[in-house]
């Protein structure tokens, strides 16, 4: 990854300070951390997403948590947890096709 990726990660972190409930910003932050090879930061981001979004049970948010945590075994989540989140999104969501992709990935 490049210094531009590091700068992008800094910008995501700053943006999350302003809008901490933006699930997509959390997701892109996790992607950048993975790309930079920072498994510890990625695991912390997955944990923060899980804590922030799963309890609210919004299908879109739960889907982003499942998708983000299923990207790498470094997420700190076991696969069964990712699958359960994806199943919850499918069961409650209106955009089932998109959520089924996440379920298949998890």
PDB file of N, CA and C in Angstrom:
ATOM      1  N   UNK A   1       0.836  -1.179   0.000  1.00  0.00           N
ATOM      2  CA  UNK A   1       0.000   0.000   0.000  1.00  0.00           C
ATOM      3  C   UNK A   1       0.883   1.246   0.000  1.00  0.00           C
ATOM      4  N   UNK A   2       0.288   2.333  -0.350  1.00  0.00           N
ATOM      5  CA  UNK A   2       1.042   3.570  -0.531  1.00  0.00           C
ATOM      6  C   UNK A   2       0.794   4.559   0.612  1.00  0.00           C
ATOM      7  N   UNK A   3       1.531   5.650   0.555  1.00  0.00           N
ATOM      8  CA  UNK A   3       1.306   6.697   1.548  1.00  0.00           C
ATOM      9  C   UNK A   3      -0.089   7.311   1.358  1.00  0.00           C
ATOM     10  N   UNK A   4      -0.603   7.249   0.133  1.00  0.00           N
ATOM     11  CA  UNK A   4      -1.968   7.731  -0.109  1.00  0.00           C
ATOM     12  C   UNK A   4      -2.983   6.885   0.666  1.00  0.00           C
ATOM     13  N   UNK A   5      -2.715   5.577   0.768  1.00  0.00           N
ATOM     14  CA  UNK A   5      -3.604   4.711   1.539  1.00  0.00           C
ATOM     15  C   UNK A   5      -3.552   5.056   3.020  1.00  0.00           C
ATOM     16  N   UNK A   6      -2.371   5.336   3.511  1.00  0.00           N
ATOM     17  CA  UNK A   6      -2.235   5.756   4.907  1.00  0.00           C
ATOM     18  C   UNK A   6      -2.980   7.056   5.160  1.00  0.00           C
ATOM     19  N   UNK A   7      -2.883   7.971   4.209  1.00  0.00           N
ATOM     20  CA  UNK A   7      -3.600   9.244   4.334  1.00  0.00           C
ATOM     21  C   UNK A   7      -5.110   9.012   4.280  1.00  0.00           C
ATOM     22  N   UNK A   8      -5.547   8.107   3.419  1.00  0.00           N
ATOM     23  CA  UNK A   8      -6.982   7.783   3.326  1.00  0.00           C
ATOM     24  C   UNK A   8      -7.483   7.221   4.650  1.00  0.00           C
ATOM     25  N   UNK A   9      -6.670   6.398   5.284  1.00  0.00           N
ATOM     26  CA  UNK A   9      -7.053   5.834   6.579  1.00  0.00           C
ATOM     27  C   UNK A   9      -7.186   6.942   7.629  1.00  0.00           C
ATOM     28  N   UNK A  10      -6.264   7.879   7.636  1.00  0.00           N
ATOM     29  CA  UNK A  10      -6.355   9.008   8.571  1.00  0.00           C
ATOM     30  C   UNK A  10      -7.637   9.801   8.340  1.00  0.00           C
ATOM     31  N   UNK A  11      -7.976  10.012   7.070  1.00  0.00           N
ATOM     32  CA  UNK A  11      -9.201  10.749   6.751  1.00  0.00           C
ATOM     33  C   UNK A  11     -10.444   9.991   7.210  1.00  0.00           C
ATOM     34  N   UNK A  12     -10.447   8.654   7.072  1.00  0.00           N
ATOM     35  CA  UNK A  12     -11.588   7.852   7.535  1.00  0.00           C
ATOM     36  C   UNK A  12     -11.742   7.971   9.048  1.00  0.00           C
ATOM     37  N   UNK A  13     -10.622   7.910   9.745  1.00  0.00           N
ATOM     38  CA  UNK A  13     -10.670   8.019  11.201  1.00  0.00           C
ATOM     39  C   UNK A  13     -11.231   9.384  11.614  1.00  0.00           C
ATOM     40  N   UNK A  14     -10.797  10.433  10.931  1.00  0.00           N
ATOM     41  CA  UNK A  14     -11.304  11.764  11.226  1.00  0.00           C
ATOM     42  C   UNK A  14     -12.800  11.867  10.911  1.00  0.00           C
ATOM     43  N   UNK A  15     -13.203  11.292   9.808  1.00  0.00           N
ATOM     44  CA  UNK A  15     -14.619  11.324   9.428  1.00  0.00           C
ATOM     45  C   UNK A  15     -15.475  10.575  10.438  1.00  0.00           C
ATOM     46  N   UNK A  16     -14.943   9.468  10.966  1.00  0.00           N
ATOM     47  CA  UNK A  16     -15.695   8.692  11.956  1.00  0.00           C
ATOM     48  C   UNK A  16     -15.855   9.436  13.279  1.00  0.00           C
ATOM     49  N   UNK A  17     -14.942  10.328  13.569  1.00  0.00           N
ATOM     50  CA  UNK A  17     -15.115  11.170  14.757  1.00  0.00           C
ATOM     51  C   UNK A  17     -16.342  12.060  14.605  1.00  0.00           C
ATOM     52  N   UNK A  18     -16.615  12.489  13.369  1.00  0.00           N
ATOM     53  CA  UNK A  18     -17.763  13.354  13.094  1.00  0.00           C
ATOM     54  C   UNK A  18     -19.062  12.557  12.916  1.00  0.00           C
ATOM     55  N   UNK A  19     -18.964  11.371  12.317  1.00  0.00           N
ATOM     56  CA  UNK A  19     -20.152  10.554  12.033  1.00  0.00           C
ATOM     57  C   UNK A  19     -19.892   9.103  12.450  1.00  0.00           C
ATOM     58  N   UNK A  20     -19.864   8.852  13.761  1.00  0.00           N
ATOM     59  CA  UNK A  20     -19.492   7.518  14.245  1.00  0.00           C
ATOM     60  C   UNK A  20     -20.497   6.418  13.910  1.00  0.00           C
ATOM     61  N   UNK A  21     -21.683   6.759  13.450  1.00  0.00           N
ATOM     62  CA  UNK A  21     -22.678   5.742  13.110  1.00  0.00           C
ATOM     63  C   UNK A  21     -22.725   5.434  11.614  1.00  0.00           C
ATOM     64  N   UNK A  22     -21.701   5.827  10.881  1.00  0.00           N
ATOM     65  CA  UNK A  22     -21.643   5.566   9.447  1.00  0.00           C
ATOM     66  C   UNK A  22     -20.989   4.207   9.211  1.00  0.00           C
ATOM     67  N   UNK A  23     -21.804   3.188   9.002  1.00  0.00           N
ATOM     68  CA  UNK A  23     -21.294   1.823   8.863  1.00  0.00           C
ATOM     69  C   UNK A  23     -20.354   1.655   7.670  1.00  0.00           C
ATOM     70  N   UNK A  24     -20.584   2.385   6.609  1.00  0.00           N
ATOM     71  CA  UNK A  24     -19.734   2.260   5.423  1.00  0.00           C
ATOM     72  C   UNK A  24     -18.344   2.856   5.654  1.00  0.00           C
ATOM     73  N   UNK A  25     -18.274   3.932   6.433  1.00  0.00           N
ATOM     74  CA  UNK A  25     -16.960   4.473   6.790  1.00  0.00           C
ATOM     75  C   UNK A  25     -16.169   3.472   7.627  1.00  0.00           C
ATOM     76  N   UNK A  26     -16.846   2.811   8.553  1.00  0.00           N
ATOM     77  CA  UNK A  26     -16.179   1.776   9.355  1.00  0.00           C
ATOM     78  C   UNK A  26     -15.667   0.671   8.432  1.00  0.00           C
ATOM     79  N   UNK A  27     -16.489   0.267   7.462  1.00  0.00           N
ATOM     80  CA  UNK A  27     -16.100  -0.795   6.530  1.00  0.00           C
ATOM     81  C   UNK A  27     -14.856  -0.401   5.724  1.00  0.00           C
ATOM     82  N   UNK A  28     -14.857   0.813   5.162  1.00  0.00           N
ATOM     83  CA  UNK A  28     -13.700   1.221   4.364  1.00  0.00           C
ATOM     84  C   UNK A  28     -12.456   1.392   5.238  1.00  0.00           C
ATOM     85  N   UNK A  29     -12.654   1.786   6.478  1.00  0.00           N
ATOM     86  CA  UNK A  29     -11.526   1.853   7.406  1.00  0.00           C
ATOM     87  C   UNK A  29     -10.918   0.464   7.577  1.00  0.00           C
ATOM     88  N   UNK A  30     -11.770  -0.537   7.775  1.00  0.00           N
ATOM     89  CA  UNK A  30     -11.284  -1.916   7.931  1.00  0.00           C
ATOM     90  C   UNK A  30     -10.559  -2.391   6.678  1.00  0.00           C
ATOM     91  N   UNK A  31     -11.088  -2.060   5.499  1.00  0.00           N
ATOM     92  CA  UNK A  31     -10.432  -2.442   4.245  1.00  0.00           C
ATOM     93  C   UNK A  31      -9.032  -1.845   4.146  1.00  0.00           C
ATOM     94  N   UNK A  32      -8.922  -0.578   4.495  1.00  0.00           N
ATOM     95  CA  UNK A  32      -7.609   0.075   4.455  1.00  0.00           C
ATOM     96  C   UNK A  32      -6.648  -0.554   5.455  1.00  0.00           C
ATOM     97  N   UNK A  33      -7.131  -0.877   6.633  1.00  0.00           N
ATOM     98  CA  UNK A  33      -6.268  -1.514   7.638  1.00  0.00           C
ATOM     99  C   UNK A  33      -5.778  -2.870   7.146  1.00  0.00           C
ATOM    100  N   UNK A  34      -6.673  -3.619   6.527  1.00  0.00           N
ATOM    101  CA  UNK A  34      -6.264  -4.908   5.953  1.00  0.00           C
ATOM    102  C   UNK A  34      -5.213  -4.702   4.872  1.00  0.00           C
ATOM    103  N   UNK A  35      -5.472  -3.744   3.993  1.00  0.00           N
ATOM    104  CA  UNK A  35      -4.540  -3.475   2.905  1.00  0.00           C
ATOM    105  C   UNK A  35      -3.174  -3.018   3.387  1.00  0.00           C
ATOM    106  N   UNK A  36      -3.163  -2.321   4.509  1.00  0.00           N
ATOM    107  CA  UNK A  36      -1.899  -1.868   5.086  1.00  0.00           C
ATOM    108  C   UNK A  36      -1.223  -2.951   5.921  1.00  0.00           C
ATOM    109  N   UNK A  37      -1.900  -4.097   6.060  1.00  0.00           N
ATOM    110  CA  UNK A  37      -1.322  -5.208   6.817  1.00  0.00           C
ATOM    111  C   UNK A  37      -1.396  -5.041   8.321  1.00  0.00           C
ATOM    112  N   UNK A  38      -2.292  -4.199   8.790  1.00  0.00           N
ATOM    113  CA  UNK A  38      -2.418  -3.940  10.228  1.00  0.00           C
ATOM    114  C   UNK A  38      -3.553  -4.777  10.812  1.00  0.00           C
ATOM    115  N   UNK A  39      -3.246  -6.040  11.101  1.00  0.00           N
ATOM    116  CA  UNK A  39      -4.258  -6.978  11.609  1.00  0.00           C
ATOM    117  C   UNK A  39      -4.803  -6.556  12.966  1.00  0.00           C
ATOM    118  N   UNK A  40      -3.975  -5.954  13.791  1.00  0.00           N
ATOM    119  CA  UNK A  40      -4.418  -5.524  15.121  1.00  0.00           C
ATOM    120  C   UNK A  40      -5.469  -4.420  14.988  1.00  0.00           C
ATOM    121  N   UNK A  41      -5.217  -3.445  14.124  1.00  0.00           N
ATOM    122  CA  UNK A  41      -6.172  -2.360  13.920  1.00  0.00           C
ATOM    123  C   UNK A  41      -7.455  -2.889  13.279  1.00  0.00           C
ATOM    124  N   UNK A  42      -7.319  -3.806  12.320  1.00  0.00           N
ATOM    125  CA  UNK A  42      -8.495  -4.401  11.675  1.00  0.00           C
ATOM    126  C   UNK A  42      -9.359  -5.128  12.704  1.00  0.00           C
ATOM    127  N   UNK A  43      -8.725  -5.890  13.585  1.00  0.00           N
ATOM    128  CA  UNK A  43      -9.459  -6.612  14.626  1.00  0.00           C
ATOM    129  C   UNK A  43     -10.184  -5.632  15.551  1.00  0.00           C
ATOM    130  N   UNK A  44      -9.519  -4.533  15.895  1.00  0.00           N
ATOM    131  CA  UNK A  44     -10.140  -3.522  16.758  1.00  0.00           C
ATOM    132  C   UNK A  44     -11.323  -2.847  16.053  1.00  0.00           C
ATOM    133  N   UNK A  45     -11.195  -2.602  14.766  1.00  0.00           N
ATOM    134  CA  UNK A  45     -12.287  -2.006  14.007  1.00  0.00           C
ATOM    135  C   UNK A  45     -13.463  -2.961  13.934  1.00  0.00           C
ATOM    136  N   UNK A  46     -13.205  -4.239  13.697  1.00  0.00           N
ATOM    137  CA  UNK A  46     -14.281  -5.232  13.672  1.00  0.00           C
ATOM    138  C   UNK A  46     -14.989  -5.299  15.027  1.00  0.00           C
ATOM    139  N   UNK A  47     -14.222  -5.269  16.100  1.00  0.00           N
ATOM    140  CA  UNK A  47     -14.825  -5.300  17.435  1.00  0.00           C
ATOM    141  C   UNK A  47     -15.680  -4.060  17.674  1.00  0.00           C
ATOM    142  N   UNK A  48     -15.179  -2.906  17.255  1.00  0.00           N
ATOM    143  CA  UNK A  48     -15.944  -1.667  17.436  1.00  0.00           C
ATOM    144  C   UNK A  48     -17.224  -1.695  16.612  1.00  0.00           C
ATOM    145  N   UNK A  49     -17.137  -2.188  15.381  1.00  0.00           N
ATOM    146  CA  UNK A  49     -18.334  -2.303  14.537  1.00  0.00           C
ATOM    147  C   UNK A  49     -19.348  -3.257  15.169  1.00  0.00           C
ATOM    148  N   UNK A  50     -18.867  -4.390  15.640  1.00  0.00           N
ATOM    149  CA  UNK A  50     -19.754  -5.375  16.254  1.00  0.00           C
ATOM    150  C   UNK A  50     -20.486  -4.773  17.445  1.00  0.00           C
ATOM    151  N   UNK A  51     -19.749  -4.064  18.271  1.00  0.00           N
ATOM    152  CA  UNK A  51     -20.341  -3.462  19.464  1.00  0.00           C
ATOM    153  C   UNK A  51     -21.334  -2.362  19.089  1.00  0.00           C
ATOM    154  N   UNK A  52     -20.987  -1.537  18.125  1.00  0.00           N
ATOM    155  CA  UNK A  52     -21.808  -0.384  17.768  1.00  0.00           C
ATOM    156  C   UNK A  52     -23.073  -0.765  17.005  1.00  0.00           C
ATOM    157  N   UNK A  53     -22.974  -1.714  16.077  1.00  0.00           N
ATOM    158  CA  UNK A  53     -24.063  -1.935  15.140  1.00  0.00           C
ATOM    159  C   UNK A  53     -24.903  -3.190  15.368  1.00  0.00           C
ATOM    160  N   UNK A  54     -24.335  -4.249  15.910  1.00  0.00           N
ATOM    161  CA  UNK A  54     -25.076  -5.509  15.990  1.00  0.00           C
ATOM    162  C   UNK A  54     -26.255  -5.424  16.940  1.00  0.00           C
ATOM    163  N   UNK A  55     -26.106  -4.769  18.057  1.00  0.00           N
ATOM    164  CA  UNK A  55     -27.188  -4.707  19.047  1.00  0.00           C
ATOM    165  C   UNK A  55     -28.419  -3.983  18.515  1.00  0.00           C
ATOM    166  N   UNK A  56     -28.225  -3.061  17.571  1.00  0.00           N
ATOM    167  CA  UNK A  56     -29.355  -2.311  17.036  1.00  0.00           C
ATOM    168  C   UNK A  56     -30.173  -3.139  16.045  1.00  0.00           C
ATOM    169  N   UNK A  57     -29.587  -4.181  15.511  1.00  0.00           N
ATOM    170  CA  UNK A  57     -30.258  -5.137  14.631  1.00  0.00           C
ATOM    171  C   UNK A  57     -30.827  -4.520  13.356  1.00  0.00           C
ATOM    172  N   UNK A  58     -30.280  -3.381  12.918  1.00  0.00           N
ATOM    173  CA  UNK A  58     -30.659  -2.832  11.623  1.00  0.00           C
ATOM    174  C   UNK A  58     -30.035  -3.727  10.550  1.00  0.00           C
ATOM    175  N   UNK A  59     -30.823  -4.254   9.612  1.00  0.00           N
ATOM    176  CA  UNK A  59     -30.300  -5.209   8.636  1.00  0.00           C
ATOM    177  C   UNK A  59     -29.109  -4.685   7.831  1.00  0.00           C
ATOM    178  N   UNK A  60     -29.170  -3.427   7.394  1.00  0.00           N
ATOM    179  CA  UNK A  60     -28.049  -2.869   6.632  1.00  0.00           C
ATOM    180  C   UNK A  60     -26.775  -2.828   7.470  1.00  0.00           C
ATOM    181  N   UNK A  61     -26.905  -2.352   8.692  1.00  0.00           N
ATOM    182  CA  UNK A  61     -25.735  -2.256   9.569  1.00  0.00           C
ATOM    183  C   UNK A  61     -25.178  -3.629   9.908  1.00  0.00           C
ATOM    184  N   UNK A  62     -26.056  -4.564  10.238  1.00  0.00           N
ATOM    185  CA  UNK A  62     -25.604  -5.922  10.572  1.00  0.00           C
ATOM    186  C   UNK A  62     -24.935  -6.566   9.365  1.00  0.00           C
ATOM    187  N   UNK A  63     -25.459  -6.287   8.177  1.00  0.00           N
ATOM    188  CA  UNK A  63     -24.849  -6.819   6.960  1.00  0.00           C
ATOM    189  C   UNK A  63     -23.426  -6.293   6.788  1.00  0.00           C
ATOM    190  N   UNK A  64     -23.227  -4.988   7.022  1.00  0.00           N
ATOM    191  CA  UNK A  64     -21.875  -4.425   6.901  1.00  0.00           C
ATOM    192  C   UNK A  64     -20.925  -5.012   7.931  1.00  0.00           C
ATOM    193  N   UNK A  65     -21.410  -5.262   9.134  1.00  0.00           N
ATOM    194  CA  UNK A  65     -20.569  -5.898  10.154  1.00  0.00           C
ATOM    195  C   UNK A  65     -20.185  -7.310   9.698  1.00  0.00           C
ATOM    196  N   UNK A  66     -21.165  -8.072   9.252  1.00  0.00           N
ATOM    197  CA  UNK A  66     -20.890  -9.449   8.806  1.00  0.00           C
ATOM    198  C   UNK A  66     -19.909  -9.453   7.643  1.00  0.00           C
ATOM    199  N   UNK A  67     -20.138  -8.595   6.663  1.00  0.00           N
ATOM    200  CA  UNK A  67     -19.276  -8.538   5.482  1.00  0.00           C
ATOM    201  C   UNK A  67     -17.851  -8.157   5.876  1.00  0.00           C
ATOM    202  N   UNK A  68     -17.723  -7.126   6.698  1.00  0.00           N
ATOM    203  CA  UNK A  68     -16.405  -6.644   7.114  1.00  0.00           C
ATOM    204  C   UNK A  68     -15.644  -7.707   7.899  1.00  0.00           C
ATOM    205  N   UNK A  69     -16.331  -8.369   8.823  1.00  0.00           N
ATOM    206  CA  UNK A  69     -15.670  -9.362   9.668  1.00  0.00           C
ATOM    207  C   UNK A  69     -15.382 -10.669   8.927  1.00  0.00           C
ATOM    208  N   UNK A  70     -16.074 -10.909   7.815  1.00  0.00           N
ATOM    209  CA  UNK A  70     -15.847 -12.137   7.040  1.00  0.00           C
ATOM    210  C   UNK A  70     -14.677 -12.006   6.072  1.00  0.00           C
ATOM    211  N   UNK A  71     -14.115 -10.821   5.946  1.00  0.00           N
ATOM    212  CA  UNK A  71     -13.048 -10.594   4.973  1.00  0.00           C
ATOM    213  C   UNK A  71     -11.735 -11.284   5.333  1.00  0.00           C
ATOM    214  N   UNK A  72     -11.516 -11.518   6.605  1.00  0.00           N
ATOM    215  CA  UNK A  72     -10.241 -12.090   7.036  1.00  0.00           C
ATOM    216  C   UNK A  72     -10.413 -12.833   8.359  1.00  0.00           C
ATOM    217  N   UNK A  73      -9.672 -13.915   8.528  1.00  0.00           N
ATOM    218  CA  UNK A  73      -9.711 -14.594   9.829  1.00  0.00           C
ATOM    219  C   UNK A  73      -9.116 -13.745  10.948  1.00  0.00           C
ATOM    220  N   UNK A  74      -8.472 -12.638  10.606  1.00  0.00           N
ATOM    221  CA  UNK A  74      -7.903 -11.733  11.608  1.00  0.00           C
ATOM    222  C   UNK A  74      -8.947 -10.841  12.262  1.00  0.00           C
ATOM    223  N   UNK A  75     -10.233 -11.020  11.913  1.00  0.00           N
ATOM    224  CA  UNK A  75     -11.275 -10.134  12.443  1.00  0.00           C
ATOM    225  C   UNK A  75     -11.511 -10.313  13.938  1.00  0.00           C
ATOM    226  N   UNK A  76     -11.129 -11.459  14.469  1.00  0.00           N
ATOM    227  CA  UNK A  76     -11.388 -11.735  15.875  1.00  0.00           C
ATOM    228  C   UNK A  76     -12.758 -12.337  16.102  1.00  0.00           C
ATOM    229  N   UNK A  77     -13.541 -12.471  15.053  1.00  0.00           N
ATOM    230  CA  UNK A  77     -14.862 -13.092  15.120  1.00  0.00           C
ATOM    231  C   UNK A  77     -14.760 -14.508  14.570  1.00  0.00           C
ATOM    232  N   UNK A  78     -15.442 -15.429  15.206  1.00  0.00           N
ATOM    233  CA  UNK A  78     -15.464 -16.760  14.608  1.00  0.00           C
ATOM    234  C   UNK A  78     -16.452 -16.740  13.441  1.00  0.00           C
ATOM    235  N   UNK A  79     -16.306 -17.701  12.555  1.00  0.00           N
ATOM    236  CA  UNK A  79     -17.135 -17.730  11.347  1.00  0.00           C
ATOM    237  C   UNK A  79     -18.614 -17.908  11.691  1.00  0.00           C
ATOM    238  N   UNK A  80     -18.904 -18.653  12.733  1.00  0.00           N
ATOM    239  CA  UNK A  80     -20.301 -18.867  13.116  1.00  0.00           C
ATOM    240  C   UNK A  80     -20.977 -17.538  13.458  1.00  0.00           C
ATOM    241  N   UNK A  81     -20.248 -16.643  14.105  1.00  0.00           N
ATOM    242  CA  UNK A  81     -20.793 -15.327  14.431  1.00  0.00           C
ATOM    243  C   UNK A  81     -21.072 -14.535  13.161  1.00  0.00           C
ATOM    244  N   UNK A  82     -20.157 -14.586  12.206  1.00  0.00           N
ATOM    245  CA  UNK A  82     -20.366 -13.884  10.936  1.00  0.00           C
ATOM    246  C   UNK A  82     -21.586 -14.432  10.209  1.00  0.00           C
ATOM    247  N   UNK A  83     -21.723 -15.754  10.204  1.00  0.00           N
ATOM    248  CA  UNK A  83     -22.862 -16.384   9.533  1.00  0.00           C
ATOM    249  C   UNK A  83     -24.162 -15.983  10.210  1.00  0.00           C
ATOM    250  N   UNK A  84     -24.189 -15.986  11.537  1.00  0.00           N
ATOM    251  CA  UNK A  84     -25.409 -15.595  12.272  1.00  0.00           C
ATOM    252  C   UNK A  84     -25.808 -14.165  11.951  1.00  0.00           C
ATOM    253  N   UNK A  85     -24.830 -13.268  11.861  1.00  0.00           N
ATOM    254  CA  UNK A  85     -25.137 -11.879  11.526  1.00  0.00           C
ATOM    255  C   UNK A  85     -25.692 -11.779  10.108  1.00  0.00           C
ATOM    256  N   UNK A  86     -25.080 -12.512   9.191  1.00  0.00           N
ATOM    257  CA  UNK A  86     -25.561 -12.495   7.811  1.00  0.00           C
ATOM    258  C   UNK A  86     -26.972 -13.057   7.723  1.00  0.00           C
ATOM    259  N   UNK A  87     -27.246 -14.108   8.464  1.00  0.00           N
ATOM    260  CA  UNK A  87     -28.590 -14.678   8.471  1.00  0.00           C
ATOM    261  C   UNK A  87     -29.615 -13.699   9.038  1.00  0.00           C
ATOM    262  N   UNK A  88     -29.223 -12.949  10.059  1.00  0.00           N
ATOM    263  CA  UNK A  88     -30.106 -11.939  10.628  1.00  0.00           C
ATOM    264  C   UNK A  88     -30.428 -10.869   9.587  1.00  0.00           C
ATOM    265  N   UNK A  89     -29.421 -10.424   8.853  1.00  0.00           N
ATOM    266  CA  UNK A  89     -29.637  -9.414   7.821  1.00  0.00           C
ATOM    267  C   UNK A  89     -30.586  -9.937   6.743  1.00  0.00           C
ATOM    268  N   UNK A  90     -30.397 -11.186   6.333  1.00  0.00           N
ATOM    269  CA  UNK A  90     -31.269 -11.776   5.310  1.00  0.00           C
ATOM    270  C   UNK A  90     -32.701 -11.857   5.824  1.00  0.00           C
ATOM    271  N   UNK A  91     -32.873 -12.292   7.066  1.00  0.00           N
ATOM    272  CA  UNK A  91     -34.208 -12.475   7.624  1.00  0.00           C
ATOM    273  C   UNK A  91     -34.961 -11.158   7.785  1.00  0.00           C
ATOM    274  N   UNK A  92     -34.245 -10.076   8.128  1.00  0.00           N
ATOM    275  CA  UNK A  92     -34.908  -8.809   8.421  1.00  0.00           C
ATOM    276  C   UNK A  92     -34.830  -7.798   7.294  1.00  0.00           C
ATOM    277  N   UNK A  93     -33.980  -8.047   6.317  1.00  0.00           N
ATOM    278  CA  UNK A  93     -33.725  -7.032   5.296  1.00  0.00           C
ATOM    279  C   UNK A  93     -34.645  -7.086   4.103  1.00  0.00           C
ATOM    280  N   UNK A  94     -34.798  -5.930   3.486  1.00  0.00           N
ATOM    281  CA  UNK A  94     -35.593  -5.822   2.272  1.00  0.00           C
ATOM    282  C   UNK A  94     -34.743  -6.106   1.036  1.00  0.00           C
ATOM    283  N   UNK A  95     -33.437  -5.940   1.172  1.00  0.00           N
ATOM    284  CA  UNK A  95     -32.532  -6.175   0.042  1.00  0.00           C
ATOM    285  C   UNK A  95     -31.873  -7.541   0.210  1.00  0.00           C
ATOM    286  N   UNK A  96     -32.684  -8.560   0.220  1.00  0.00           N
ATOM    287  CA  UNK A  96     -32.217  -9.906   0.538  1.00  0.00           C
ATOM    288  C   UNK A  96     -31.121 -10.377  -0.410  1.00  0.00           C
ATOM    289  N   UNK A  97     -31.178 -10.014  -1.676  1.00  0.00           N
ATOM    290  CA  UNK A  97     -30.168 -10.483  -2.627  1.00  0.00           C
ATOM    291  C   UNK A  97     -28.772 -10.045  -2.194  1.00  0.00           C
ATOM    292  N   UNK A  98     -28.644  -8.777  -1.849  1.00  0.00           N
ATOM    293  CA  UNK A  98     -27.350  -8.266  -1.394  1.00  0.00           C
ATOM    294  C   UNK A  98     -26.914  -8.982  -0.121  1.00  0.00           C
ATOM    295  N   UNK A  99     -27.835  -9.191   0.799  1.00  0.00           N
ATOM    296  CA  UNK A  99     -27.501  -9.816   2.070  1.00  0.00           C
ATOM    297  C   UNK A  99     -27.151 -11.289   1.895  1.00  0.00           C
ATOM    298  N   UNK A 100     -27.751 -11.932   0.901  1.00  0.00           N
ATOM    299  CA  UNK A 100     -27.435 -13.340   0.636  1.00  0.00           C
ATOM    300  C   UNK A 100     -25.993 -13.480   0.164  1.00  0.00           C
ATOM    301  N   UNK A 101     -25.481 -12.492  -0.583  1.00  0.00           N
ATOM    302  CA  UNK A 101     -24.065 -12.513  -0.969  1.00  0.00           C
ATOM    303  C   UNK A 101     -23.182 -12.519   0.267  1.00  0.00           C
ATOM    304  N   UNK A 102     -23.530 -11.692   1.237  1.00  0.00           N
ATOM    305  CA  UNK A 102     -22.760 -11.650   2.484  1.00  0.00           C
ATOM    306  C   UNK A 102     -22.859 -12.993   3.200  1.00  0.00           C
ATOM    307  N   UNK A 103     -24.054 -13.541   3.250  1.00  0.00           N
ATOM    308  CA  UNK A 103     -24.248 -14.822   3.902  1.00  0.00           C
ATOM    309  C   UNK A 103     -23.382 -15.898   3.242  1.00  0.00           C
ATOM    310  N   UNK A 104     -23.322 -15.889   1.934  1.00  0.00           N
ATOM    311  CA  UNK A 104     -22.486 -16.862   1.222  1.00  0.00           C
ATOM    312  C   UNK A 104     -21.009 -16.668   1.490  1.00  0.00           C
ATOM    313  N   UNK A 105     -20.598 -15.431   1.645  1.00  0.00           N
ATOM    314  CA  UNK A 105     -19.188 -15.132   1.928  1.00  0.00           C
ATOM    315  C   UNK A 105     -18.814 -15.568   3.333  1.00  0.00           C
ATOM    316  N   UNK A 106     -19.740 -15.333   4.276  1.00  0.00           N
ATOM    317  CA  UNK A 106     -19.470 -15.681   5.671  1.00  0.00           C
ATOM    318  C   UNK A 106     -19.429 -17.183   5.806  1.00  0.00           C
TER     319      UNK A 106
END
